[in-house]
PDB file of N, CA and C in Angstrom:
ATOM      1  N   UNK A   1       0.811  -1.107  -0.064  1.00  0.00           N
ATOM      2  CA  UNK A   1       0.012   0.010   0.002  1.00  0.00           C
ATOM      3  C   UNK A   1       0.886   1.215  -0.062  1.00  0.00           C
ATOM      4  N   UNK A   2       0.582   2.143  -0.831  1.00  0.00           N
ATOM      5  CA  UNK A   2       1.368   3.500  -0.905  1.00  0.00           C
ATOM      6  C   UNK A   2       0.774   4.458   0.019  1.00  0.00           C
ATOM      7  N   UNK A   3       1.792   5.189   0.562  1.00  0.00           N
ATOM      8  CA  UNK A   3       1.424   6.310   1.418  1.00  0.00           C
ATOM      9  C   UNK A   3       0.708   7.385   0.654  1.00  0.00           C
ATOM     10  N   UNK A   4      -0.231   8.135   1.236  1.00  0.00           N
ATOM     11  CA  UNK A   4      -0.871   9.141   0.514  1.00  0.00           C
ATOM     12  C   UNK A   4       0.004  10.366   0.319  1.00  0.00           C
ATOM     13  N   UNK A   5       1.222  10.474   1.035  1.00  0.00           N
ATOM     14  CA  UNK A   5       2.081  11.543   0.897  1.00  0.00           C
ATOM     15  C   UNK A   5       3.343  11.153   0.027  1.00  0.00           C
ATOM     16  N   UNK A   6       3.281  10.057  -0.565  1.00  0.00           N
ATOM     17  CA  UNK A   6       4.412   9.659  -1.377  1.00  0.00           C
ATOM     18  C   UNK A   6       4.824  10.588  -2.508  1.00  0.00           C
ATOM     19  N   UNK A   7       3.845  11.279  -3.076  1.00  0.00           N
ATOM     20  CA  UNK A   7       4.086  12.284  -4.192  1.00  0.00           C
ATOM     21  C   UNK A   7       4.664  13.508  -3.638  1.00  0.00           C
ATOM     22  N   UNK A   8       4.569  13.758  -2.382  1.00  0.00           N
ATOM     23  CA  UNK A   8       5.123  15.027  -1.789  1.00  0.00           C
ATOM     24  C   UNK A   8       6.521  14.917  -1.381  1.00  0.00           C
ATOM     25  N   UNK A   9       7.078  13.831  -1.507  1.00  0.00           N
ATOM     26  CA  UNK A   9       8.476  13.588  -1.008  1.00  0.00           C
ATOM     27  C   UNK A   9       9.452  14.563  -1.776  1.00  0.00           C
ATOM     28  N   UNK A  10      10.248  15.283  -0.930  1.00  0.00           N
ATOM     29  CA  UNK A  10      11.243  16.149  -1.450  1.00  0.00           C
ATOM     30  C   UNK A  10      10.602  17.616  -1.659  1.00  0.00           C
ATOM     31  N   UNK A  11       9.351  17.798  -1.456  1.00  0.00           N
ATOM     32  CA  UNK A  11       8.707  19.105  -1.747  1.00  0.00           C
ATOM     33  C   UNK A  11       9.282  20.193  -0.753  1.00  0.00           C
ATOM     34  N   UNK A  12       9.588  19.831   0.503  1.00  0.00           N
ATOM     35  CA  UNK A  12      10.148  20.789   1.398  1.00  0.00           C
ATOM     36  C   UNK A  12      11.536  21.281   0.935  1.00  0.00           C
ATOM     37  N   UNK A  13      12.299  20.410   0.406  1.00  0.00           N
ATOM     38  CA  UNK A  13      13.608  20.816  -0.180  1.00  0.00           C
ATOM     39  C   UNK A  13      13.421  21.741  -1.399  1.00  0.00           C
ATOM     40  N   UNK A  14      12.501  21.480  -2.280  1.00  0.00           N
ATOM     41  CA  UNK A  14      12.230  22.359  -3.378  1.00  0.00           C
ATOM     42  C   UNK A  14      11.734  23.702  -2.955  1.00  0.00           C
ATOM     43  N   UNK A  15      10.863  23.716  -1.948  1.00  0.00           N
ATOM     44  CA  UNK A  15      10.392  24.962  -1.431  1.00  0.00           C
ATOM     45  C   UNK A  15      11.465  25.787  -0.838  1.00  0.00           C
ATOM     46  N   UNK A  16      12.245  25.146  -0.040  1.00  0.00           N
ATOM     47  CA  UNK A  16      13.511  25.840   0.604  1.00  0.00           C
ATOM     48  C   UNK A  16      14.430  26.412  -0.602  1.00  0.00           C
ATOM     49  N   UNK A  17      14.653  25.675  -1.584  1.00  0.00           N
ATOM     50  CA  UNK A  17      15.561  26.134  -2.685  1.00  0.00           C
ATOM     51  C   UNK A  17      14.989  27.274  -3.389  1.00  0.00           C
ATOM     52  N   UNK A  18      13.633  27.401  -3.388  1.00  0.00           N
ATOM     53  CA  UNK A  18      13.032  28.579  -4.100  1.00  0.00           C
ATOM     54  C   UNK A  18      13.104  29.742  -3.076  1.00  0.00           C
ATOM     55  N   UNK A  19      12.781  29.563  -1.843  1.00  0.00           N
ATOM     56  CA  UNK A  19      12.622  30.635  -0.868  1.00  0.00           C
ATOM     57  C   UNK A  19      14.077  31.208  -0.424  1.00  0.00           C
ATOM     58  N   UNK A  20      15.081  30.346  -0.356  1.00  0.00           N
ATOM     59  CA  UNK A  20      16.366  30.820   0.102  1.00  0.00           C
ATOM     60  C   UNK A  20      16.991  31.983  -0.610  1.00  0.00           C
ATOM     61  N   UNK A  21      16.950  32.017  -1.953  1.00  0.00           N
ATOM     62  CA  UNK A  21      17.498  33.187  -2.577  1.00  0.00           C
ATOM     63  C   UNK A  21      16.694  34.471  -2.332  1.00  0.00           C
ATOM     64  N   UNK A  22      15.455  34.373  -2.101  1.00  0.00           N
ATOM     65  CA  UNK A  22      14.608  35.532  -1.808  1.00  0.00           C
ATOM     66  C   UNK A  22      14.999  36.032  -0.412  1.00  0.00           C
ATOM     67  N   UNK A  23      15.207  35.136   0.541  1.00  0.00           N
ATOM     68  CA  UNK A  23      15.583  35.454   1.917  1.00  0.00           C
ATOM     69  C   UNK A  23      17.055  36.189   1.862  1.00  0.00           C
ATOM     70  N   UNK A  24      17.872  35.561   1.089  1.00  0.00           N
ATOM     71  CA  UNK A  24      19.252  36.216   1.012  1.00  0.00           C
ATOM     72  C   UNK A  24      19.209  37.543   0.292  1.00  0.00           C
ATOM     73  N   UNK A  25      18.262  37.878  -0.643  1.00  0.00           N
ATOM     74  CA  UNK A  25      18.199  39.075  -1.306  1.00  0.00           C
ATOM     75  C   UNK A  25      17.652  40.136  -0.265  1.00  0.00           C
ATOM     76  N   UNK A  26      16.626  39.776   0.495  1.00  0.00           N
ATOM     77  CA  UNK A  26      16.117  40.681   1.424  1.00  0.00           C
ATOM     78  C   UNK A  26      17.079  40.968   2.452  1.00  0.00           C
ATOM     79  N   UNK A  27      17.832  40.047   2.964  1.00  0.00           N
ATOM     80  CA  UNK A  27      18.937  40.330   3.887  1.00  0.00           C
ATOM     81  C   UNK A  27      19.996  41.185   3.376  1.00  0.00           C
ATOM     82  N   UNK A  28      20.470  41.007   2.192  1.00  0.00           N
ATOM     83  CA  UNK A  28      21.425  41.826   1.579  1.00  0.00           C
ATOM     84  C   UNK A  28      20.892  43.284   1.409  1.00  0.00           C
ATOM     85  N   UNK A  29      19.651  43.476   0.989  1.00  0.00           N
ATOM     86  CA  UNK A  29      19.061  44.797   0.945  1.00  0.00           C
ATOM     87  C   UNK A  29      19.000  45.478   2.283  1.00  0.00           C
ATOM     88  N   UNK A  30      18.628  44.755   3.303  1.00  0.00           N
ATOM     89  CA  UNK A  30      18.672  45.285   4.667  1.00  0.00           C
ATOM     90  C   UNK A  30      20.025  45.744   5.107  1.00  0.00           C
ATOM     91  N   UNK A  31      21.015  44.945   4.839  1.00  0.00           N
ATOM     92  CA  UNK A  31      22.386  45.327   5.257  1.00  0.00           C
ATOM     93  C   UNK A  31      22.889  46.542   4.400  1.00  0.00           C
ATOM     94  N   UNK A  32      22.449  46.555   3.096  1.00  0.00           N
ATOM     95  CA  UNK A  32      22.773  47.713   2.362  1.00  0.00           C
ATOM     96  C   UNK A  32      22.159  49.010   2.872  1.00  0.00           C
ATOM     97  N   UNK A  33      20.894  48.897   3.318  1.00  0.00           N
ATOM     98  CA  UNK A  33      20.242  50.012   3.908  1.00  0.00           C
ATOM     99  C   UNK A  33      20.832  50.477   5.132  1.00  0.00           C
ATOM    100  N   UNK A  34      21.295  49.591   6.027  1.00  0.00           N
ATOM    101  CA  UNK A  34      22.065  49.995   7.285  1.00  0.00           C
ATOM    102  C   UNK A  34      23.384  50.658   6.900  1.00  0.00           C
ATOM    103  N   UNK A  35      24.092  50.202   5.833  1.00  0.00           N
ATOM    104  CA  UNK A  35      25.278  50.882   5.347  1.00  0.00           C
ATOM    105  C   UNK A  35      25.055  52.300   4.831  1.00  0.00           C
ATOM    106  N   UNK A  36      23.914  52.470   4.155  1.00  0.00           N
ATOM    107  CA  UNK A  36      23.555  53.834   3.670  1.00  0.00           C
ATOM    108  C   UNK A  36      23.196  54.726   4.870  1.00  0.00           C
ATOM    109  N   UNK A  37      22.522  54.274   5.809  1.00  0.00           N
ATOM    110  CA  UNK A  37      22.159  55.106   7.000  1.00  0.00           C
ATOM    111  C   UNK A  37      23.514  55.496   7.718  1.00  0.00           C
ATOM    112  N   UNK A  38      24.312  54.487   7.872  1.00  0.00           N
ATOM    113  CA  UNK A  38      25.597  54.806   8.557  1.00  0.00           C
ATOM    114  C   UNK A  38      26.460  55.859   7.733  1.00  0.00           C
ATOM    115  N   UNK A  39      26.518  55.747   6.531  1.00  0.00           N
ATOM    116  CA  UNK A  39      27.227  56.737   5.688  1.00  0.00           C
ATOM    117  C   UNK A  39      26.606  58.160   5.804  1.00  0.00           C
ATOM    118  N   UNK A  40      25.230  58.152   5.811  1.00  0.00           N
ATOM    119  CA  UNK A  40      24.621  59.502   5.933  1.00  0.00           C
ATOM    120  C   UNK A  40      24.943  60.068   7.303  1.00  0.00           C
ATOM    121  N   UNK A  41      24.864  59.420   8.324  1.00  0.00           N
ATOM    122  CA  UNK A  41      25.314  59.922   9.678  1.00  0.00           C
ATOM    123  C   UNK A  41      26.661  60.382   9.694  1.00  0.00           C
ATOM    124  N   UNK A  42      27.740  59.635   9.106  1.00  0.00           N
ATOM    125  CA  UNK A  42      29.115  60.169   9.097  1.00  0.00           C
ATOM    126  C   UNK A  42      29.152  61.388   8.157  1.00  0.00           C
ATOM    127  N   UNK A  43      28.438  61.456   7.175  1.00  0.00           N
ATOM    128  CA  UNK A  43      28.318  62.647   6.339  1.00  0.00           C
ATOM    129  C   UNK A  43      27.824  63.877   7.080  1.00  0.00           C
ATOM    130  N   UNK A  44      26.836  63.658   7.867  1.00  0.00           N
ATOM    131  CA  UNK A  44      26.247  64.695   8.641  1.00  0.00           C
ATOM    132  C   UNK A  44      27.214  65.265   9.655  1.00  0.00           C
ATOM    133  N   UNK A  45      27.895  64.277  10.353  1.00  0.00           N
ATOM    134  CA  UNK A  45      28.919  64.762  11.386  1.00  0.00           C
ATOM    135  C   UNK A  45      30.094  65.444  10.704  1.00  0.00           C
ATOM    136  N   UNK A  46      30.434  64.989   9.547  1.00  0.00           N
ATOM    137  CA  UNK A  46      31.532  65.606   8.732  1.00  0.00           C
ATOM    138  C   UNK A  46      31.181  67.055   8.371  1.00  0.00           C
ATOM    139  N   UNK A  47      29.923  67.220   7.934  1.00  0.00           N
ATOM    140  CA  UNK A  47      29.469  68.636   7.499  1.00  0.00           C
ATOM    141  C   UNK A  47      29.527  69.519   8.832  1.00  0.00           C
ATOM    142  N   UNK A  48      29.120  69.089   9.915  1.00  0.00           N
ATOM    143  CA  UNK A  48      29.201  69.916  11.133  1.00  0.00           C
ATOM    144  C   UNK A  48      30.637  70.214  11.475  1.00  0.00           C
ATOM    145  N   UNK A  49      31.532  69.215  11.360  1.00  0.00           N
ATOM    146  CA  UNK A  49      32.891  69.366  11.716  1.00  0.00           C
ATOM    147  C   UNK A  49      33.634  70.359  10.731  1.00  0.00           C
ATOM    148  N   UNK A  50      33.256  70.283   9.497  1.00  0.00           N
ATOM    149  CA  UNK A  50      33.778  71.226   8.485  1.00  0.00           C
ATOM    150  C   UNK A  50      33.202  72.654   8.730  1.00  0.00           C
ATOM    151  N   UNK A  51      32.031  72.778   8.919  1.00  0.00           N
ATOM    152  CA  UNK A  51      31.409  74.116   9.192  1.00  0.00           C
ATOM    153  C   UNK A  51      32.014  74.724  10.463  1.00  0.00           C
ATOM    154  N   UNK A  52      32.293  73.929  11.492  1.00  0.00           N
ATOM    155  CA  UNK A  52      33.011  74.466  12.621  1.00  0.00           C
ATOM    156  C   UNK A  52      34.421  74.926  12.374  1.00  0.00           C
ATOM    157  N   UNK A  53      35.041  74.206  11.510  1.00  0.00           N
ATOM    158  CA  UNK A  53      36.451  74.533  11.197  1.00  0.00           C
ATOM    159  C   UNK A  53      36.432  75.837  10.304  1.00  0.00           C
ATOM    160  N   UNK A  54      35.506  75.862   9.399  1.00  0.00           N
ATOM    161  CA  UNK A  54      35.366  77.155   8.606  1.00  0.00           C
ATOM    162  C   UNK A  54      34.990  78.380   9.540  1.00  0.00           C
ATOM    163  N   UNK A  55      34.109  78.147  10.463  1.00  0.00           N
ATOM    164  CA  UNK A  55      33.756  79.140  11.471  1.00  0.00           C
ATOM    165  C   UNK A  55      34.963  79.647  12.248  1.00  0.00           C
ATOM    166  N   UNK A  56      35.927  78.770  12.534  1.00  0.00           N
ATOM    167  CA  UNK A  56      37.155  79.058  13.342  1.00  0.00           C
ATOM    168  C   UNK A  56      38.089  79.920  12.498  1.00  0.00           C
ATOM    169  N   UNK A  57      37.848  79.956  11.167  1.00  0.00           N
ATOM    170  CA  UNK A  57      38.689  80.660  10.269  1.00  0.00           C
ATOM    171  C   UNK A  57      39.651  79.777   9.503  1.00  0.00           C
ATOM    172  N   UNK A  58      39.564  78.441   9.610  1.00  0.00           N
ATOM    173  CA  UNK A  58      40.403  77.448   8.881  1.00  0.00           C
ATOM    174  C   UNK A  58      39.996  77.610   7.349  1.00  0.00           C
ATOM    175  N   UNK A  59      40.944  77.251   6.538  1.00  0.00           N
ATOM    176  CA  UNK A  59      40.710  77.325   4.965  1.00  0.00           C
ATOM    177  C   UNK A  59      39.796  76.163   4.698  1.00  0.00           C
ATOM    178  N   UNK A  60      39.313  76.358   3.398  1.00  0.00           N
ATOM    179  CA  UNK A  60      38.363  75.358   2.853  1.00  0.00           C
ATOM    180  C   UNK A  60      39.149  74.000   2.675  1.00  0.00           C
ATOM    181  N   UNK A  61      40.433  74.075   2.418  1.00  0.00           N
ATOM    182  CA  UNK A  61      41.251  72.815   2.234  1.00  0.00           C
ATOM    183  C   UNK A  61      41.357  72.064   3.523  1.00  0.00           C
ATOM    184  N   UNK A  62      41.536  72.807   4.662  1.00  0.00           N
ATOM    185  CA  UNK A  62      41.689  72.237   5.953  1.00  0.00           C
ATOM    186  C   UNK A  62      40.254  71.619   6.255  1.00  0.00           C
ATOM    187  N   UNK A  63      39.160  72.416   6.027  1.00  0.00           N
ATOM    188  CA  UNK A  63      37.875  71.820   6.448  1.00  0.00           C
ATOM    189  C   UNK A  63      37.508  70.643   5.443  1.00  0.00           C
ATOM    190  N   UNK A  64      37.937  70.620   4.261  1.00  0.00           N
ATOM    191  CA  UNK A  64      37.790  69.519   3.332  1.00  0.00           C
ATOM    192  C   UNK A  64      38.517  68.297   3.874  1.00  0.00           C
ATOM    193  N   UNK A  65      39.762  68.454   4.434  1.00  0.00           N
ATOM    194  CA  UNK A  65      40.452  67.381   4.945  1.00  0.00           C
ATOM    195  C   UNK A  65      39.794  66.755   6.153  1.00  0.00           C
ATOM    196  N   UNK A  66      39.223  67.594   7.004  1.00  0.00           N
ATOM    197  CA  UNK A  66      38.524  67.091   8.123  1.00  0.00           C
ATOM    198  C   UNK A  66      37.318  66.257   7.721  1.00  0.00           C
ATOM    199  N   UNK A  67      36.560  66.903   6.705  1.00  0.00           N
ATOM    200  CA  UNK A  67      35.480  66.120   6.194  1.00  0.00           C
ATOM    201  C   UNK A  67      35.765  64.695   5.594  1.00  0.00           C
ATOM    202  N   UNK A  68      36.954  64.682   4.901  1.00  0.00           N
ATOM    203  CA  UNK A  68      37.307  63.448   4.327  1.00  0.00           C
ATOM    204  C   UNK A  68      37.628  62.389   5.427  1.00  0.00           C
ATOM    205  N   UNK A  69      38.335  62.876   6.417  1.00  0.00           N
ATOM    206  CA  UNK A  69      38.666  62.024   7.575  1.00  0.00           C
ATOM    207  C   UNK A  69      37.527  61.464   8.299  1.00  0.00           C
ATOM    208  N   UNK A  70      36.435  62.340   8.422  1.00  0.00           N
ATOM    209  CA  UNK A  70      35.256  61.889   9.224  1.00  0.00           C
ATOM    210  C   UNK A  70      34.375  61.047   8.381  1.00  0.00           C
ATOM    211  N   UNK A  71      34.065  61.513   7.126  1.00  0.00           N
ATOM    212  CA  UNK A  71      33.152  60.801   6.288  1.00  0.00           C
ATOM    213  C   UNK A  71      33.672  59.659   5.463  1.00  0.00           C
ATOM    214  N   UNK A  72      34.983  59.562   5.301  1.00  0.00           N
ATOM    215  CA  UNK A  72      35.575  58.647   4.508  1.00  0.00           C
ATOM    216  C   UNK A  72      35.746  59.307   3.041  1.00  0.00           C
ATOM    217  N   UNK A  73      36.371  58.630   2.095  1.00  0.00           N
ATOM    218  CA  UNK A  73      36.706  59.099   0.786  1.00  0.00           C
ATOM    219  C   UNK A  73      35.541  59.424  -0.053  1.00  0.00           C
ATOM    220  N   UNK A  74      35.862  60.059  -1.157  1.00  0.00           N
ATOM    221  CA  UNK A  74      34.803  60.433  -2.116  1.00  0.00           C
ATOM    222  C   UNK A  74      33.780  61.437  -1.719  1.00  0.00           C
ATOM    223  N   UNK A  75      34.192  62.430  -0.993  1.00  0.00           N
ATOM    224  CA  UNK A  75      33.332  63.449  -0.447  1.00  0.00           C
ATOM    225  C   UNK A  75      33.534  64.784  -1.165  1.00  0.00           C
ATOM    226  N   UNK A  76      32.485  65.368  -1.770  1.00  0.00           N
ATOM    227  CA  UNK A  76      32.607  66.701  -2.390  1.00  0.00           C
ATOM    228  C   UNK A  76      32.136  67.790  -1.440  1.00  0.00           C
ATOM    229  N   UNK A  77      32.761  68.985  -1.394  1.00  0.00           N
ATOM    230  CA  UNK A  77      32.347  69.970  -0.471  1.00  0.00           C
ATOM    231  C   UNK A  77      32.140  71.285  -1.219  1.00  0.00           C
ATOM    232  N   UNK A  78      30.977  71.948  -0.852  1.00  0.00           N
ATOM    233  CA  UNK A  78      30.704  73.299  -1.256  1.00  0.00           C
ATOM    234  C   UNK A  78      30.619  74.233  -0.077  1.00  0.00           C
ATOM    235  N   UNK A  79      31.185  75.344  -0.139  1.00  0.00           N
ATOM    236  CA  UNK A  79      31.295  76.252   0.958  1.00  0.00           C
ATOM    237  C   UNK A  79      30.592  77.573   0.558  1.00  0.00           C
ATOM    238  N   UNK A  80      29.813  78.104   1.424  1.00  0.00           N
ATOM    239  CA  UNK A  80      29.277  79.500   1.082  1.00  0.00           C
ATOM    240  C   UNK A  80      29.070  80.258   2.400  1.00  0.00           C
ATOM    241  N   UNK A  81      28.968  81.537   2.233  1.00  0.00           N
ATOM    242  CA  UNK A  81      28.878  82.531   3.443  1.00  0.00           C
ATOM    243  C   UNK A  81      27.475  83.087   3.451  1.00  0.00           C
ATOM    244  N   UNK A  82      26.870  83.082   4.622  1.00  0.00           N
ATOM    245  CA  UNK A  82      25.568  83.627   4.898  1.00  0.00           C
ATOM    246  C   UNK A  82      25.825  84.433   6.116  1.00  0.00           C
ATOM    247  N   UNK A  83      26.447  85.589   5.962  1.00  0.00           N
ATOM    248  CA  UNK A  83      26.728  86.371   7.168  1.00  0.00           C
ATOM    249  C   UNK A  83      25.711  86.434   8.188  1.00  0.00           C
ATOM    250  N   UNK A  84      25.889  86.061   9.406  1.00  0.00           N
ATOM    251  CA  UNK A  84      27.148  85.860  10.123  1.00  0.00           C
ATOM    252  C   UNK A  84      27.608  84.374  10.188  1.00  0.00           C
ATOM    253  N   UNK A  85      26.944  83.511   9.200  1.00  0.00           N
ATOM    254  CA  UNK A  85      27.181  82.152   9.198  1.00  0.00           C
ATOM    255  C   UNK A  85      28.073  81.776   8.091  1.00  0.00           C
ATOM    256  N   UNK A  86      28.840  80.715   8.223  1.00  0.00           N
ATOM    257  CA  UNK A  86      29.638  80.098   7.177  1.00  0.00           C
ATOM    258  C   UNK A  86      29.132  78.619   7.032  1.00  0.00           C
ATOM    259  N   UNK A  87      28.786  78.201   5.842  1.00  0.00           N
ATOM    260  CA  UNK A  87      28.123  76.853   5.673  1.00  0.00           C
ATOM    261  C   UNK A  87      28.930  75.920   4.773  1.00  0.00           C
ATOM    262  N   UNK A  88      28.665  74.633   4.943  1.00  0.00           N
ATOM    263  CA  UNK A  88      29.395  73.644   4.194  1.00  0.00           C
ATOM    264  C   UNK A  88      28.308  72.573   3.853  1.00  0.00           C
ATOM    265  N   UNK A  89      28.300  72.220   2.488  1.00  0.00           N
ATOM    266  CA  UNK A  89      27.487  71.123   2.007  1.00  0.00           C
ATOM    267  C   UNK A  89      28.350  70.012   1.498  1.00  0.00           C
ATOM    268  N   UNK A  90      28.118  68.816   1.981  1.00  0.00           N
ATOM    269  CA  UNK A  90      29.019  67.732   1.603  1.00  0.00           C
ATOM    270  C   UNK A  90      28.091  66.775   0.696  1.00  0.00           C
ATOM    271  N   UNK A  91      28.681  66.175  -0.243  1.00  0.00           N
ATOM    272  CA  UNK A  91      27.975  65.127  -1.131  1.00  0.00           C
ATOM    273  C   UNK A  91      28.798  64.003  -1.301  1.00  0.00           C
ATOM    274  N   UNK A  92      28.190  62.885  -1.351  1.00  0.00           N
ATOM    275  CA  UNK A  92      28.910  61.620  -1.586  1.00  0.00           C
ATOM    276  C   UNK A  92      27.871  60.599  -2.084  1.00  0.00           C
ATOM    277  N   UNK A  93      28.398  59.470  -2.551  1.00  0.00           N
ATOM    278  CA  UNK A  93      27.645  58.377  -2.911  1.00  0.00           C
ATOM    279  C   UNK A  93      27.545  57.341  -1.833  1.00  0.00           C
ATOM    280  N   UNK A  94      26.542  56.471  -1.822  1.00  0.00           N
ATOM    281  CA  UNK A  94      26.355  55.556  -0.793  1.00  0.00           C
ATOM    282  C   UNK A  94      27.427  54.549  -0.745  1.00  0.00           C
ATOM    283  N   UNK A  95      27.878  54.043  -1.832  1.00  0.00           N
ATOM    284  CA  UNK A  95      28.804  52.925  -1.927  1.00  0.00           C
ATOM    285  C   UNK A  95      28.217  51.716  -1.674  1.00  0.00           C
ATOM    286  N   UNK A  96      28.921  50.560  -1.740  1.00  0.00           N
ATOM    287  CA  UNK A  96      28.384  49.173  -1.471  1.00  0.00           C
ATOM    288  C   UNK A  96      27.356  48.721  -2.485  1.00  0.00           C
ATOM    289  N   UNK A  97      26.430  48.035  -2.046  1.00  0.00           N
ATOM    290  CA  UNK A  97      25.421  47.470  -2.881  1.00  0.00           C
ATOM    291  C   UNK A  97      24.477  48.456  -3.467  1.00  0.00           C
ATOM    292  N   UNK A  98      24.313  49.530  -2.694  1.00  0.00           N
ATOM    293  CA  UNK A  98      23.422  50.652  -3.158  1.00  0.00           C
ATOM    294  C   UNK A  98      24.247  51.939  -3.518  1.00  0.00           C
ATOM    295  N   UNK A  99      25.268  51.659  -4.230  1.00  0.00           N
ATOM    296  CA  UNK A  99      26.272  52.747  -4.560  1.00  0.00           C
ATOM    297  C   UNK A  99      25.661  53.819  -5.444  1.00  0.00           C
ATOM    298  N   UNK A 100      24.492  53.545  -6.151  1.00  0.00           N
ATOM    299  CA  UNK A 100      23.978  54.670  -7.030  1.00  0.00           C
ATOM    300  C   UNK A 100      23.183  55.818  -6.194  1.00  0.00           C
ATOM    301  N   UNK A 101      23.044  55.601  -4.909  1.00  0.00           N
ATOM    302  CA  UNK A 101      22.288  56.594  -4.202  1.00  0.00           C
ATOM    303  C   UNK A 101      23.187  57.753  -3.823  1.00  0.00           C
ATOM    304  N   UNK A 102      22.791  58.954  -4.028  1.00  0.00           N
ATOM    305  CA  UNK A 102      23.527  60.163  -3.746  1.00  0.00           C
ATOM    306  C   UNK A 102      22.988  60.655  -2.388  1.00  0.00           C
ATOM    307  N   UNK A 103      24.075  60.999  -1.535  1.00  0.00           N
ATOM    308  CA  UNK A 103      23.739  61.521  -0.178  1.00  0.00           C
ATOM    309  C   UNK A 103      24.385  63.010  -0.062  1.00  0.00           C
ATOM    310  N   UNK A 104      23.694  63.754   0.770  1.00  0.00           N
ATOM    311  CA  UNK A 104      24.277  65.128   1.017  1.00  0.00           C
ATOM    312  C   UNK A 104      23.851  65.459   2.488  1.00  0.00           C
ATOM    313  N   UNK A 105      24.585  66.345   2.997  1.00  0.00           N
ATOM    314  CA  UNK A 105      24.427  66.983   4.299  1.00  0.00           C
ATOM    315  C   UNK A 105      24.966  68.378   4.285  1.00  0.00           C
ATOM    316  N   UNK A 106      24.384  69.250   5.032  1.00  0.00           N
ATOM    317  CA  UNK A 106      24.922  70.502   5.171  1.00  0.00           C
ATOM    318  C   UNK A 106      24.797  70.995   6.566  1.00  0.00           C
ATOM    319  N   UNK A 107      25.649  71.955   6.987  1.00  0.00           N
ATOM    320  CA  UNK A 107      25.701  72.424   8.213  1.00  0.00           C
ATOM    321  C   UNK A 107      26.256  73.854   8.202  1.00  0.00           C
ATOM    322  N   UNK A 108      25.877  74.752   9.105  1.00  0.00           N
ATOM    323  CA  UNK A 108      26.463  76.081   9.283  1.00  0.00           C
ATOM    324  C   UNK A 108      26.978  76.311  10.635  1.00  0.00           C
ATOM    325  N   UNK A 109      27.876  77.279  10.686  1.00  0.00           N
ATOM    326  CA  UNK A 109      28.569  77.637  12.018  1.00  0.00           C
ATOM    327  C   UNK A 109      28.722  79.139  11.980  1.00  0.00           C
ATOM    328  N   UNK A 110      28.741  79.716  13.205  1.00  0.00           N
ATOM    329  CA  UNK A 110      28.887  81.217  13.267  1.00  0.00           C
ATOM    330  C   UNK A 110      30.350  81.531  12.866  1.00  0.00           C
ATOM    331  N   UNK A 111      30.561  82.394  11.997  1.00  0.00           N
ATOM    332  CA  UNK A 111      31.899  82.834  11.491  1.00  0.00           C
ATOM    333  C   UNK A 111      32.554  83.530  12.596  1.00  0.00           C
ATOM    334  N   UNK A 112      33.877  83.199  12.759  1.00  0.00           N
ATOM    335  CA  UNK A 112      34.623  83.795  13.906  1.00  0.00           C
ATOM    336  C   UNK A 112      34.230  83.359  15.189  1.00  0.00           C
ATOM    337  N   UNK A 113      33.616  82.075  15.238  1.00  0.00           N
ATOM    338  CA  UNK A 113      33.111  81.505  16.504  1.00  0.00           C
ATOM    339  C   UNK A 113      34.223  81.062  17.502  1.00  0.00           C
ATOM    340  N   UNK A 114      35.357  81.137  17.102  1.00  0.00           N
ATOM    341  CA  UNK A 114      36.444  80.843  17.935  1.00  0.00           C
ATOM    342  C   UNK A 114      36.503  79.464  18.458  1.00  0.00           C
TER     343      UNK A 114
END
């Protein structure tokens, strides 16, 4: 006598083989999103540090070096003056799996803030 589940043999393995790539993709996207958020936080911190350096009277090159150190490589910086403030805008790409995403952060500090 045959079991009524004889035709289902191996179906769990097939279902796992189909579901596992989807789970791996979702996990990779989640890790990529965490990386993007971390990069944005570093970029925001770097913009604040660069603006403070500019407010102290440091040159744009010095402020750019600070921004590169804090945010990592590949950072572009734009500086402008809004008396009595001096401002810096940083731009970068997310990198990693989601490298096509553009990130930016800006911050201002009082000029001559010592």
